[in-house]
N, C-alpha and C. Protein backbone atom coordinates (compact mmCIF):
# COMPACT_ATOMS: atom_id res chain seq x y z
N UNK A 1 76.97 97.61 -0.28
CA UNK A 1 78.08 98.53 0.05
C UNK A 1 79.37 97.71 0.13
N UNK A 2 80.42 98.21 -0.50
CA UNK A 2 81.72 97.51 -0.49
C UNK A 2 82.54 97.97 0.71
N UNK A 3 83.27 97.05 1.30
CA UNK A 3 84.23 97.41 2.35
C UNK A 3 85.53 97.74 1.67
N UNK A 4 85.89 99.01 1.65
CA UNK A 4 87.06 99.45 0.90
C UNK A 4 88.31 99.36 1.77
N UNK A 5 89.44 98.97 1.15
CA UNK A 5 90.72 98.95 1.84
C UNK A 5 91.71 99.72 0.99
N UNK A 6 92.38 100.67 1.57
CA UNK A 6 93.37 101.46 0.86
C UNK A 6 94.67 101.42 1.58
N UNK A 7 95.72 101.95 0.95
CA UNK A 7 97.02 101.96 1.61
C UNK A 7 97.02 102.87 2.83
N UNK A 8 96.08 103.84 2.86
CA UNK A 8 96.01 104.70 4.02
C UNK A 8 95.38 103.98 5.23
N UNK A 9 94.39 103.13 4.97
CA UNK A 9 93.73 102.46 6.06
C UNK A 9 94.37 101.14 6.43
N UNK A 10 95.19 100.57 5.53
CA UNK A 10 95.74 99.25 5.79
C UNK A 10 96.51 99.12 7.10
N UNK A 11 97.34 100.08 7.54
CA UNK A 11 98.07 99.90 8.80
C UNK A 11 97.14 99.66 9.99
N UNK A 12 95.92 100.22 9.96
CA UNK A 12 95.01 100.04 11.05
C UNK A 12 94.52 98.61 11.18
N UNK A 13 94.69 97.83 10.07
CA UNK A 13 94.22 96.45 10.08
C UNK A 13 95.30 95.49 10.59
N UNK A 14 96.47 95.96 10.82
CA UNK A 14 97.56 95.12 11.27
C UNK A 14 97.49 94.94 12.79
N UNK A 15 97.32 93.72 13.30
CA UNK A 15 97.20 93.49 14.73
C UNK A 15 98.51 93.73 15.44
N UNK A 16 98.43 93.96 16.74
CA UNK A 16 99.63 94.19 17.53
C UNK A 16 100.43 92.90 17.69
N UNK A 17 99.72 91.76 17.78
CA UNK A 17 100.39 90.47 17.86
C UNK A 17 100.87 90.06 16.47
N UNK A 18 102.16 89.90 16.28
CA UNK A 18 102.70 89.58 14.94
C UNK A 18 102.24 88.26 14.39
N UNK A 19 101.74 87.36 15.24
CA UNK A 19 101.29 86.05 14.78
C UNK A 19 99.82 86.05 14.35
N UNK A 20 99.11 87.12 14.64
CA UNK A 20 97.70 87.24 14.28
C UNK A 20 97.56 87.87 12.92
N UNK A 21 96.69 87.32 12.11
CA UNK A 21 96.47 87.86 10.77
C UNK A 21 95.57 89.09 10.79
N UNK A 22 95.86 90.03 9.91
CA UNK A 22 94.94 91.13 9.69
C UNK A 22 93.76 90.60 8.88
N UNK A 23 92.63 91.31 8.83
CA UNK A 23 91.50 90.85 8.04
C UNK A 23 91.85 90.60 6.57
N UNK A 24 92.66 91.49 6.00
CA UNK A 24 92.99 91.32 4.57
C UNK A 24 93.98 90.15 4.38
N UNK A 25 94.89 89.94 5.33
CA UNK A 25 95.76 88.77 5.25
C UNK A 25 94.93 87.50 5.30
N UNK A 26 93.92 87.49 6.16
CA UNK A 26 93.02 86.32 6.27
C UNK A 26 92.28 86.09 4.94
N UNK A 27 91.83 87.17 4.31
CA UNK A 27 91.14 87.05 3.03
C UNK A 27 92.06 86.48 1.97
N UNK A 28 93.29 86.97 1.89
CA UNK A 28 94.24 86.49 0.89
C UNK A 28 94.61 85.04 1.13
N UNK A 29 94.83 84.66 2.38
CA UNK A 29 95.14 83.27 2.70
C UNK A 29 93.97 82.34 2.32
N UNK A 30 92.76 82.77 2.65
CA UNK A 30 91.57 82.01 2.26
C UNK A 30 91.46 81.85 0.76
N UNK A 31 91.77 82.91 0.02
CA UNK A 31 91.71 82.84 -1.44
C UNK A 31 92.72 81.86 -2.00
N UNK A 32 93.92 81.86 -1.45
CA UNK A 32 94.97 80.94 -1.94
C UNK A 32 94.57 79.49 -1.70
N UNK A 33 94.02 79.22 -0.51
CA UNK A 33 93.57 77.85 -0.22
C UNK A 33 92.44 77.46 -1.15
N UNK A 34 91.47 78.35 -1.33
CA UNK A 34 90.31 78.10 -2.16
C UNK A 34 90.69 77.85 -3.62
N UNK A 35 91.50 78.72 -4.20
CA UNK A 35 91.83 78.60 -5.61
C UNK A 35 92.72 77.41 -5.92
N UNK A 36 93.50 76.97 -4.95
CA UNK A 36 94.28 75.75 -5.14
C UNK A 36 93.38 74.59 -5.43
N UNK A 37 92.18 74.60 -4.82
CA UNK A 37 91.24 73.49 -4.95
C UNK A 37 90.25 73.68 -6.10
N UNK A 38 89.79 74.92 -6.29
CA UNK A 38 88.74 75.14 -7.30
C UNK A 38 89.28 75.44 -8.70
N UNK A 39 90.48 76.04 -8.78
CA UNK A 39 91.06 76.35 -10.07
C UNK A 39 92.56 75.97 -10.08
N UNK A 40 92.84 74.67 -9.94
CA UNK A 40 94.24 74.22 -9.83
C UNK A 40 95.07 74.53 -11.05
N UNK A 41 94.40 74.71 -12.22
CA UNK A 41 95.16 74.98 -13.46
C UNK A 41 95.81 76.35 -13.49
N UNK A 42 95.34 77.29 -12.65
CA UNK A 42 95.96 78.61 -12.61
C UNK A 42 96.67 78.87 -11.28
N UNK A 43 96.79 77.84 -10.48
CA UNK A 43 97.46 77.96 -9.17
C UNK A 43 98.90 77.51 -9.28
N UNK A 44 99.86 78.19 -8.66
CA UNK A 44 99.82 79.40 -7.84
C UNK A 44 99.23 80.62 -8.60
N UNK A 45 98.83 81.65 -7.83
CA UNK A 45 98.13 82.79 -8.39
C UNK A 45 99.03 83.98 -8.61
N UNK A 46 98.75 84.71 -9.68
CA UNK A 46 99.43 86.00 -9.92
C UNK A 46 98.81 87.03 -9.01
N UNK A 47 99.42 88.20 -8.92
CA UNK A 47 98.88 89.27 -8.10
C UNK A 47 97.50 89.70 -8.63
N UNK A 48 97.38 89.82 -9.95
CA UNK A 48 96.09 90.18 -10.51
C UNK A 48 94.98 89.18 -10.16
N UNK A 49 95.31 87.91 -10.24
CA UNK A 49 94.35 86.85 -9.91
C UNK A 49 93.96 86.93 -8.43
N UNK A 50 94.91 87.27 -7.58
CA UNK A 50 94.61 87.38 -6.14
C UNK A 50 93.73 88.58 -5.85
N UNK A 51 93.95 89.69 -6.55
CA UNK A 51 93.11 90.86 -6.38
C UNK A 51 91.67 90.52 -6.76
N UNK A 52 91.53 89.86 -7.90
CA UNK A 52 90.19 89.45 -8.35
C UNK A 52 89.53 88.49 -7.37
N UNK A 53 90.30 87.56 -6.84
CA UNK A 53 89.77 86.58 -5.89
C UNK A 53 89.34 87.25 -4.59
N UNK A 54 90.15 88.20 -4.11
CA UNK A 54 89.82 88.87 -2.88
C UNK A 54 88.57 89.72 -3.00
N UNK A 55 88.35 90.28 -4.19
CA UNK A 55 87.23 91.22 -4.39
C UNK A 55 85.99 90.59 -5.01
N UNK A 56 86.05 89.30 -5.35
CA UNK A 56 84.90 88.69 -5.99
C UNK A 56 83.67 88.76 -5.10
N UNK A 57 82.49 88.77 -5.73
CA UNK A 57 81.24 88.99 -5.00
C UNK A 57 80.57 87.70 -4.51
N UNK A 58 80.89 86.57 -5.11
CA UNK A 58 80.32 85.33 -4.61
C UNK A 58 81.28 84.64 -3.64
N UNK A 59 80.73 84.00 -2.65
CA UNK A 59 81.50 83.27 -1.63
C UNK A 59 82.39 84.16 -0.81
N UNK A 60 82.00 85.43 -0.59
CA UNK A 60 82.77 86.34 0.22
C UNK A 60 81.85 87.13 1.17
N UNK A 61 82.33 87.36 2.37
CA UNK A 61 81.62 88.19 3.32
C UNK A 61 82.64 88.76 4.33
N UNK A 62 82.87 90.10 4.29
CA UNK A 62 82.18 91.09 3.47
C UNK A 62 82.77 91.16 2.06
N UNK A 63 82.10 91.86 1.15
CA UNK A 63 82.64 92.14 -0.17
C UNK A 63 83.60 93.28 -0.06
N UNK A 64 84.77 93.14 -0.66
CA UNK A 64 85.83 94.14 -0.54
C UNK A 64 86.08 94.87 -1.85
N UNK A 65 86.86 95.94 -1.74
CA UNK A 65 87.35 96.67 -2.92
C UNK A 65 88.83 96.92 -2.69
N UNK A 66 89.58 95.83 -2.46
CA UNK A 66 91.02 95.94 -2.18
C UNK A 66 91.80 96.29 -3.43
N UNK A 67 92.86 97.09 -3.29
CA UNK A 67 93.73 97.48 -4.41
C UNK A 67 94.88 96.52 -4.54
N UNK A 68 95.66 96.67 -5.62
CA UNK A 68 96.85 95.84 -5.79
C UNK A 68 97.83 96.10 -4.62
N UNK A 69 97.93 97.38 -4.20
CA UNK A 69 98.82 97.71 -3.10
C UNK A 69 98.37 97.03 -1.81
N UNK A 70 97.06 96.98 -1.58
CA UNK A 70 96.52 96.30 -0.41
C UNK A 70 96.94 94.84 -0.39
N UNK A 71 96.74 94.17 -1.55
CA UNK A 71 97.04 92.75 -1.61
C UNK A 71 98.54 92.49 -1.48
N UNK A 72 99.37 93.36 -2.07
CA UNK A 72 100.81 93.21 -1.91
C UNK A 72 101.22 93.34 -0.42
N UNK A 73 100.59 94.30 0.27
CA UNK A 73 100.85 94.49 1.68
C UNK A 73 100.45 93.24 2.47
N UNK A 74 99.28 92.68 2.16
CA UNK A 74 98.84 91.45 2.84
C UNK A 74 99.76 90.28 2.53
N UNK A 75 100.23 90.17 1.28
CA UNK A 75 101.16 89.11 0.94
C UNK A 75 102.46 89.24 1.70
N UNK A 76 102.93 90.44 1.86
CA UNK A 76 104.15 90.68 2.65
C UNK A 76 103.97 90.17 4.07
N UNK A 77 102.81 90.46 4.65
CA UNK A 77 102.54 90.00 6.01
C UNK A 77 102.48 88.47 6.10
N UNK A 78 101.83 87.85 5.12
CA UNK A 78 101.73 86.39 5.11
C UNK A 78 103.08 85.72 4.91
N UNK A 79 103.92 86.35 4.07
CA UNK A 79 105.25 85.79 3.84
C UNK A 79 106.10 85.91 5.10
N UNK A 80 105.96 87.01 5.82
CA UNK A 80 106.68 87.16 7.11
C UNK A 80 106.24 86.11 8.10
N UNK A 81 104.97 85.71 8.06
CA UNK A 81 104.43 84.71 8.97
C UNK A 81 104.62 83.29 8.39
N UNK A 82 105.27 83.19 7.25
CA UNK A 82 105.57 81.90 6.58
C UNK A 82 104.31 81.18 6.15
N UNK A 83 103.24 81.92 5.90
CA UNK A 83 101.99 81.33 5.44
C UNK A 83 101.79 81.46 3.96
N UNK A 84 102.66 82.19 3.28
CA UNK A 84 102.62 82.30 1.83
C UNK A 84 104.03 82.48 1.31
N UNK A 85 104.22 82.12 0.05
CA UNK A 85 105.52 82.22 -0.53
C UNK A 85 105.43 82.60 -2.01
N UNK A 86 106.50 83.19 -2.49
CA UNK A 86 106.61 83.54 -3.91
C UNK A 86 107.00 82.30 -4.68
N UNK A 87 106.26 82.02 -5.75
CA UNK A 87 106.55 80.85 -6.55
C UNK A 87 107.49 81.22 -7.69
N UNK A 88 108.61 80.52 -7.77
CA UNK A 88 109.61 80.84 -8.77
C UNK A 88 109.90 79.62 -9.65
N UNK A 89 108.85 79.10 -10.28
CA UNK A 89 109.03 77.95 -11.15
C UNK A 89 109.81 78.31 -12.42
N UNK A 90 110.36 77.32 -13.08
CA UNK A 90 111.20 77.53 -14.25
C UNK A 90 110.44 78.26 -15.36
N UNK A 91 109.11 78.00 -15.48
CA UNK A 91 108.33 78.58 -16.55
C UNK A 91 107.54 79.81 -16.09
N UNK A 92 107.74 80.26 -14.89
CA UNK A 92 106.97 81.38 -14.35
C UNK A 92 107.57 82.71 -14.83
N UNK A 93 106.89 83.35 -15.77
CA UNK A 93 107.34 84.66 -16.25
C UNK A 93 106.71 85.79 -15.47
N UNK A 94 105.60 85.50 -14.77
CA UNK A 94 104.94 86.49 -13.93
C UNK A 94 105.00 86.00 -12.49
N UNK A 95 105.21 86.90 -11.55
CA UNK A 95 105.27 86.53 -10.13
C UNK A 95 103.98 85.82 -9.72
N UNK A 96 104.14 84.71 -9.01
CA UNK A 96 102.98 83.95 -8.53
C UNK A 96 103.17 83.62 -7.05
N UNK A 97 102.05 83.35 -6.39
CA UNK A 97 102.09 83.14 -4.94
C UNK A 97 101.24 81.92 -4.58
N UNK A 98 101.67 81.21 -3.54
CA UNK A 98 100.94 80.08 -3.03
C UNK A 98 100.96 80.10 -1.52
N UNK A 99 100.04 79.39 -0.90
CA UNK A 99 99.97 79.36 0.56
C UNK A 99 100.90 78.26 1.10
N UNK A 100 101.27 78.42 2.37
CA UNK A 100 102.10 77.46 3.06
C UNK A 100 101.44 77.01 4.36
N UNK A 101 100.12 76.95 4.35
CA UNK A 101 99.38 76.65 5.56
C UNK A 101 99.80 75.33 6.20
N UNK A 102 99.98 74.31 5.38
CA UNK A 102 100.30 72.98 5.90
C UNK A 102 101.66 72.93 6.57
N UNK A 103 102.58 73.82 6.17
CA UNK A 103 103.89 73.82 6.80
C UNK A 103 103.83 74.44 8.20
N UNK A 104 102.91 75.36 8.40
CA UNK A 104 102.77 76.03 9.70
C UNK A 104 101.72 75.32 10.57
N UNK A 105 100.60 74.95 9.94
CA UNK A 105 99.49 74.30 10.66
C UNK A 105 99.09 73.02 9.91
N UNK A 106 99.82 71.95 10.09
CA UNK A 106 99.44 70.69 9.41
C UNK A 106 98.02 70.27 9.76
N UNK A 107 97.26 69.87 8.74
CA UNK A 107 95.91 69.40 8.97
C UNK A 107 95.42 68.63 7.77
N UNK A 108 94.37 67.83 7.96
CA UNK A 108 93.83 67.07 6.85
C UNK A 108 93.01 67.96 5.91
N UNK A 109 92.74 67.46 4.72
CA UNK A 109 92.19 68.32 3.65
C UNK A 109 90.83 68.93 3.99
N UNK A 110 89.94 68.18 4.66
CA UNK A 110 88.62 68.71 4.96
C UNK A 110 88.76 69.88 5.94
N UNK A 111 89.61 69.72 6.92
CA UNK A 111 89.82 70.82 7.88
C UNK A 111 90.34 72.05 7.19
N UNK A 112 91.22 71.87 6.19
CA UNK A 112 91.74 73.02 5.44
C UNK A 112 90.64 73.73 4.67
N UNK A 113 89.71 72.96 4.09
CA UNK A 113 88.57 73.55 3.38
C UNK A 113 87.71 74.37 4.31
N UNK A 114 87.43 73.82 5.49
CA UNK A 114 86.58 74.51 6.46
C UNK A 114 87.24 75.78 6.96
N UNK A 115 88.56 75.71 7.21
CA UNK A 115 89.27 76.90 7.64
C UNK A 115 89.21 77.97 6.55
N UNK A 116 89.35 77.56 5.30
CA UNK A 116 89.26 78.54 4.21
C UNK A 116 87.90 79.22 4.18
N UNK A 117 86.83 78.44 4.36
CA UNK A 117 85.50 79.01 4.36
C UNK A 117 85.31 80.02 5.49
N UNK A 118 85.87 79.69 6.65
CA UNK A 118 85.77 80.63 7.77
C UNK A 118 86.57 81.89 7.51
N UNK A 119 87.71 81.77 6.83
CA UNK A 119 88.51 82.93 6.50
C UNK A 119 87.80 83.82 5.47
N UNK A 120 87.08 83.21 4.55
CA UNK A 120 86.46 83.94 3.46
C UNK A 120 85.11 84.54 3.82
N UNK A 121 84.36 83.91 4.72
CA UNK A 121 83.00 84.36 5.02
C UNK A 121 82.73 84.69 6.47
N UNK A 122 83.69 84.40 7.36
CA UNK A 122 83.45 84.69 8.76
C UNK A 122 82.65 83.57 9.45
N UNK A 123 82.21 83.80 10.69
CA UNK A 123 81.52 82.76 11.46
C UNK A 123 80.31 82.17 10.73
N UNK A 124 80.20 80.84 10.82
CA UNK A 124 79.12 80.13 10.15
C UNK A 124 78.70 78.93 10.98
N UNK A 125 77.49 78.42 10.74
CA UNK A 125 77.05 77.22 11.39
C UNK A 125 77.69 76.01 10.72
N UNK A 126 77.64 74.87 11.41
CA UNK A 126 78.20 73.66 10.86
C UNK A 126 77.49 73.26 9.55
N UNK A 127 76.18 73.42 9.52
CA UNK A 127 75.42 73.09 8.31
C UNK A 127 75.82 74.00 7.15
N UNK A 128 76.02 75.28 7.41
CA UNK A 128 76.44 76.20 6.35
C UNK A 128 77.83 75.82 5.83
N UNK A 129 78.72 75.49 6.74
CA UNK A 129 80.09 75.11 6.32
C UNK A 129 80.06 73.85 5.46
N UNK A 130 79.22 72.91 5.84
CA UNK A 130 79.12 71.65 5.07
C UNK A 130 78.60 71.92 3.65
N UNK A 131 77.60 72.77 3.53
CA UNK A 131 77.03 73.07 2.22
C UNK A 131 78.01 73.88 1.37
N UNK A 132 78.58 74.92 1.96
CA UNK A 132 79.46 75.82 1.23
C UNK A 132 80.81 75.22 0.86
N UNK A 133 81.26 74.29 1.70
CA UNK A 133 82.57 73.66 1.45
C UNK A 133 82.54 72.69 0.27
N UNK A 134 81.33 72.27 -0.15
CA UNK A 134 81.21 71.29 -1.22
C UNK A 134 81.84 71.77 -2.53
N UNK A 135 81.93 73.10 -2.72
CA UNK A 135 82.50 73.61 -3.97
C UNK A 135 83.99 73.37 -4.04
N UNK A 136 84.63 73.11 -2.91
CA UNK A 136 86.08 72.89 -2.89
C UNK A 136 86.44 71.44 -2.79
N UNK A 137 85.65 70.67 -2.03
CA UNK A 137 85.96 69.24 -1.85
C UNK A 137 84.72 68.55 -1.28
N UNK A 138 84.72 67.23 -1.39
CA UNK A 138 83.60 66.46 -0.83
C UNK A 138 83.61 66.62 0.70
N UNK A 139 82.44 66.94 1.25
CA UNK A 139 82.31 67.12 2.68
C UNK A 139 81.86 65.82 3.35
N UNK A 140 82.03 65.72 4.66
CA UNK A 140 81.57 64.55 5.41
C UNK A 140 80.08 64.31 5.19
N UNK A 141 79.70 63.07 5.29
CA UNK A 141 78.30 62.70 5.00
C UNK A 141 77.31 63.29 5.99
N UNK A 142 77.76 63.56 7.21
CA UNK A 142 76.84 64.07 8.23
C UNK A 142 77.43 65.33 8.88
N UNK A 143 76.51 66.12 9.44
CA UNK A 143 76.94 67.33 10.15
C UNK A 143 77.76 66.92 11.39
N UNK A 144 77.41 65.79 12.00
CA UNK A 144 78.13 65.33 13.17
C UNK A 144 79.60 65.09 12.88
N UNK A 145 79.90 64.50 11.73
CA UNK A 145 81.29 64.24 11.35
C UNK A 145 82.05 65.57 11.17
N UNK A 146 81.38 66.53 10.55
CA UNK A 146 82.03 67.82 10.34
C UNK A 146 82.22 68.54 11.68
N UNK A 147 81.26 68.37 12.58
CA UNK A 147 81.37 68.99 13.90
C UNK A 147 82.61 68.45 14.63
N UNK A 148 82.94 67.17 14.41
CA UNK A 148 84.12 66.61 15.04
C UNK A 148 85.39 67.20 14.49
N UNK A 149 85.41 67.47 13.17
CA UNK A 149 86.58 68.11 12.54
C UNK A 149 86.78 69.49 13.11
N UNK A 150 85.69 70.23 13.30
CA UNK A 150 85.75 71.55 13.89
C UNK A 150 86.25 71.48 15.33
N UNK A 151 85.75 70.47 16.07
CA UNK A 151 86.17 70.31 17.44
C UNK A 151 87.66 70.00 17.51
N UNK A 152 88.19 69.24 16.54
CA UNK A 152 89.61 68.94 16.49
C UNK A 152 90.41 70.23 16.25
N UNK A 153 89.92 71.10 15.37
CA UNK A 153 90.59 72.38 15.13
C UNK A 153 90.61 73.22 16.42
N UNK A 154 89.57 73.14 17.20
CA UNK A 154 89.45 73.90 18.44
C UNK A 154 90.32 73.30 19.54
N UNK A 155 90.63 72.00 19.45
CA UNK A 155 91.36 71.32 20.53
C UNK A 155 92.87 71.28 20.27
N UNK A 156 93.34 71.87 19.20
CA UNK A 156 94.79 71.86 18.91
C UNK A 156 95.53 72.63 20.00
N UNK A 157 96.85 72.34 20.10
CA UNK A 157 97.68 73.05 21.08
C UNK A 157 97.58 74.56 20.85
N UNK A 158 97.51 74.97 19.58
CA UNK A 158 97.24 76.34 19.22
C UNK A 158 95.90 76.34 18.49
N UNK A 159 94.79 76.55 19.21
CA UNK A 159 93.45 76.43 18.62
C UNK A 159 93.29 77.29 17.37
N UNK A 160 92.62 76.75 16.36
CA UNK A 160 92.39 77.46 15.12
C UNK A 160 90.91 77.78 14.90
N UNK A 161 90.06 77.28 15.79
CA UNK A 161 88.62 77.54 15.64
C UNK A 161 87.98 77.55 17.04
N UNK A 162 86.83 78.20 17.11
CA UNK A 162 86.09 78.25 18.37
C UNK A 162 84.61 78.29 18.09
N UNK A 163 83.86 77.57 18.92
CA UNK A 163 82.38 77.53 18.80
C UNK A 163 81.80 78.71 19.53
N UNK A 164 80.97 79.49 18.84
CA UNK A 164 80.34 80.65 19.43
C UNK A 164 78.92 80.35 19.82
N UNK A 165 78.39 80.98 20.84
CA UNK A 165 76.99 80.77 21.21
C UNK A 165 76.07 81.29 20.11
N UNK A 166 74.85 80.78 20.03
CA UNK A 166 73.93 81.25 18.99
C UNK A 166 73.69 82.76 19.11
N UNK A 167 73.52 83.40 17.95
CA UNK A 167 73.17 84.81 17.96
C UNK A 167 71.75 84.99 18.49
N UNK A 168 71.44 86.19 18.89
CA UNK A 168 70.11 86.47 19.41
C UNK A 168 69.07 86.13 18.35
N UNK A 169 68.07 85.35 18.75
CA UNK A 169 67.00 84.99 17.85
C UNK A 169 67.32 83.76 16.99
N UNK A 170 68.49 83.17 17.17
CA UNK A 170 68.86 82.00 16.39
C UNK A 170 69.14 80.80 17.29
N UNK A 171 68.95 79.60 16.75
CA UNK A 171 69.12 78.39 17.56
C UNK A 171 70.49 77.76 17.41
N UNK A 172 71.06 77.83 16.20
CA UNK A 172 72.30 77.14 15.92
C UNK A 172 73.53 77.95 16.32
N UNK A 173 74.50 77.29 16.92
CA UNK A 173 75.76 77.93 17.23
C UNK A 173 76.57 78.08 15.94
N UNK A 174 77.49 79.02 15.96
CA UNK A 174 78.36 79.22 14.81
C UNK A 174 79.80 78.94 15.22
N UNK A 175 80.63 78.69 14.21
CA UNK A 175 82.05 78.51 14.43
C UNK A 175 82.85 79.66 13.82
N UNK A 176 83.93 80.04 14.46
CA UNK A 176 84.77 81.12 13.96
C UNK A 176 86.23 80.65 13.93
N UNK A 177 87.01 81.15 12.99
CA UNK A 177 88.43 80.86 12.98
C UNK A 177 89.17 81.80 13.92
N UNK A 178 90.33 81.39 14.40
CA UNK A 178 91.07 82.18 15.37
C UNK A 178 92.39 82.73 14.80
N UNK A 179 92.61 82.58 13.52
CA UNK A 179 93.85 83.14 12.94
C UNK A 179 93.88 84.64 13.00
N UNK A 180 92.71 85.30 13.07
CA UNK A 180 92.67 86.73 13.21
C UNK A 180 92.45 87.18 14.65
N UNK A 181 92.57 86.25 15.59
CA UNK A 181 92.41 86.58 17.00
C UNK A 181 91.07 86.10 17.54
N UNK A 182 90.86 86.45 18.79
CA UNK A 182 89.63 86.00 19.45
C UNK A 182 88.41 86.70 18.87
N UNK A 183 87.37 85.93 18.52
CA UNK A 183 86.15 86.54 17.99
C UNK A 183 85.33 87.19 19.11
N UNK A 184 84.53 88.14 18.72
CA UNK A 184 83.61 88.76 19.67
C UNK A 184 82.32 88.00 19.63
N UNK A 185 81.97 87.31 20.74
CA UNK A 185 80.88 86.37 20.73
C UNK A 185 79.56 87.00 20.33
N UNK A 186 79.29 88.22 20.76
CA UNK A 186 77.99 88.83 20.49
C UNK A 186 78.00 89.75 19.29
N UNK A 187 79.09 89.71 18.47
CA UNK A 187 79.12 90.57 17.32
C UNK A 187 78.12 90.11 16.28
N UNK A 188 77.29 90.99 15.73
CA UNK A 188 76.37 90.59 14.68
C UNK A 188 77.09 90.29 13.39
N UNK A 189 76.41 89.51 12.54
CA UNK A 189 76.98 89.24 11.23
C UNK A 189 76.98 90.49 10.42
N UNK A 190 77.73 90.46 9.31
CA UNK A 190 77.84 91.63 8.46
C UNK A 190 76.48 92.09 7.98
N UNK A 191 76.42 93.39 7.63
CA UNK A 191 75.18 93.97 7.13
C UNK A 191 74.62 93.14 5.99
N UNK A 192 73.32 92.85 5.95
CA UNK A 192 72.76 91.94 4.97
C UNK A 192 73.11 92.31 3.54
N UNK A 193 73.35 93.58 3.23
CA UNK A 193 73.61 93.95 1.83
C UNK A 193 74.92 93.36 1.35
N UNK A 194 75.80 92.93 2.25
CA UNK A 194 77.08 92.36 1.82
C UNK A 194 77.09 90.85 1.82
N UNK A 195 76.00 90.24 2.27
CA UNK A 195 75.95 88.79 2.37
C UNK A 195 75.51 88.23 1.02
N UNK A 196 76.31 87.32 0.48
CA UNK A 196 75.97 86.74 -0.80
C UNK A 196 75.23 85.43 -0.61
N UNK A 197 74.33 85.15 -1.50
CA UNK A 197 73.51 83.94 -1.43
C UNK A 197 74.34 82.73 -1.80
N UNK A 198 74.15 81.65 -1.07
CA UNK A 198 74.84 80.41 -1.40
C UNK A 198 74.26 79.85 -2.68
N UNK A 199 75.08 79.57 -3.65
CA UNK A 199 74.64 79.08 -4.95
C UNK A 199 74.71 77.57 -5.00
N UNK A 200 73.90 76.93 -5.86
CA UNK A 200 73.98 75.47 -6.03
C UNK A 200 75.37 75.07 -6.47
N UNK A 201 75.81 73.86 -6.09
CA UNK A 201 77.18 73.42 -6.41
C UNK A 201 77.50 73.50 -7.92
N UNK A 202 76.49 73.15 -8.78
CA UNK A 202 76.80 73.17 -10.21
C UNK A 202 77.06 74.59 -10.70
N UNK A 203 76.36 75.58 -10.10
CA UNK A 203 76.59 76.97 -10.47
C UNK A 203 77.94 77.42 -9.96
N UNK A 204 78.30 77.01 -8.74
CA UNK A 204 79.61 77.35 -8.19
C UNK A 204 80.71 76.82 -9.09
N UNK A 205 80.55 75.60 -9.60
CA UNK A 205 81.57 75.01 -10.45
C UNK A 205 81.71 75.76 -11.76
N UNK A 206 80.57 76.19 -12.33
CA UNK A 206 80.62 76.95 -13.59
C UNK A 206 81.27 78.32 -13.36
N UNK A 207 80.98 78.95 -12.22
CA UNK A 207 81.62 80.22 -11.90
C UNK A 207 83.14 80.04 -11.73
N UNK A 208 83.50 78.97 -11.05
CA UNK A 208 84.93 78.70 -10.84
C UNK A 208 85.65 78.50 -12.18
N UNK A 209 84.96 77.78 -13.12
CA UNK A 209 85.55 77.56 -14.43
C UNK A 209 85.74 78.88 -15.19
N UNK A 210 84.73 79.75 -15.08
CA UNK A 210 84.82 81.07 -15.74
C UNK A 210 85.94 81.88 -15.13
N UNK A 211 86.06 81.85 -13.80
CA UNK A 211 87.15 82.60 -13.13
C UNK A 211 88.50 82.08 -13.58
N UNK A 212 88.60 80.75 -13.74
CA UNK A 212 89.88 80.17 -14.18
C UNK A 212 90.20 80.61 -15.59
N UNK A 213 89.20 80.68 -16.46
CA UNK A 213 89.43 81.08 -17.85
C UNK A 213 89.86 82.55 -17.90
N UNK A 214 89.19 83.41 -17.12
CA UNK A 214 89.56 84.82 -17.08
C UNK A 214 90.99 84.98 -16.57
N UNK A 215 91.34 84.25 -15.50
CA UNK A 215 92.67 84.34 -14.95
C UNK A 215 93.70 83.83 -15.96
N UNK A 216 93.37 82.75 -16.72
CA UNK A 216 94.29 82.24 -17.70
C UNK A 216 94.55 83.28 -18.79
N UNK A 217 93.48 83.94 -19.23
CA UNK A 217 93.65 84.97 -20.27
C UNK A 217 94.46 86.13 -19.74
N UNK A 218 94.26 86.52 -18.48
CA UNK A 218 95.05 87.59 -17.90
C UNK A 218 96.53 87.23 -17.87
N UNK A 219 96.81 85.95 -17.49
CA UNK A 219 98.19 85.50 -17.44
C UNK A 219 98.84 85.55 -18.83
N UNK A 220 98.06 85.16 -19.86
CA UNK A 220 98.61 85.20 -21.23
C UNK A 220 98.88 86.62 -21.64
N UNK A 221 97.98 87.55 -21.28
CA UNK A 221 98.21 88.96 -21.62
C UNK A 221 99.44 89.52 -20.91
N UNK A 222 99.58 89.14 -19.63
CA UNK A 222 100.77 89.62 -18.87
C UNK A 222 102.05 89.08 -19.48
N UNK A 223 102.03 87.80 -19.87
CA UNK A 223 103.22 87.19 -20.48
C UNK A 223 103.53 87.85 -21.81
N UNK A 224 102.50 88.11 -22.62
CA UNK A 224 102.69 88.77 -23.91
C UNK A 224 103.24 90.19 -23.73
N UNK A 225 102.69 90.87 -22.69
CA UNK A 225 103.15 92.23 -22.41
C UNK A 225 104.62 92.24 -22.07
N UNK A 226 105.05 91.28 -21.23
CA UNK A 226 106.46 91.21 -20.84
C UNK A 226 107.33 90.83 -22.08
N UNK A 227 106.82 89.94 -22.92
CA UNK A 227 107.60 89.50 -24.08
C UNK A 227 107.81 90.67 -25.07
N UNK A 228 106.84 91.60 -25.07
CA UNK A 228 106.97 92.77 -25.94
C UNK A 228 107.75 93.90 -25.28
N UNK A 229 108.29 93.62 -24.12
CA UNK A 229 109.11 94.61 -23.45
C UNK A 229 108.29 95.72 -22.81
N UNK A 230 107.03 95.40 -22.43
CA UNK A 230 106.18 96.40 -21.74
C UNK A 230 105.63 97.44 -22.67
N UNK A 231 105.73 97.25 -23.99
CA UNK A 231 105.22 98.25 -24.94
C UNK A 231 103.72 98.29 -24.93
């Protein structure tokens, strides 16, 4: 089952605290961080590429069916929070967007990867984060090293992560990001039908390459369309 987001439901996702991200803003920010690392040749991203990234079925939890209007609304929110910006390069014929996370929350690269994973998939164990983060960058050699990076995120003056107690019937604690506000400690994970299986790194890389090629072709079509005057 897809979690659908429409322009009618979008206002309900906007938190009362202007510094807290809505769920869709978190998804878009996570996508921008992820694609900068996995498909740098098409980054910054066009609106179409962002819609595809937000709705893709692998490496996402929950799976969404966000519209272009939804993503534009989320981008507006991120730009107001100075976490995203419009890219206006000399050769940019189509509007593109990039994240500004480091300007607001400076951090080292591994921490940025982990934060992106938490934004894209929700609470996860340290072992899960280490395995899943490999598709974006080399992860620490041990779980203990990664645990320290997470602890550093939690110990910031403005904490960005928090360790949750183990879920009922599970032994390992999970970590959650705090950009969308305080997590509910006893909230169950998303319904199993929306959980995607973690793929081997080589498969993840091949998928990322395919996504980059599709996005490149879309960009060429958009550029050609504009060159023809929208005909």
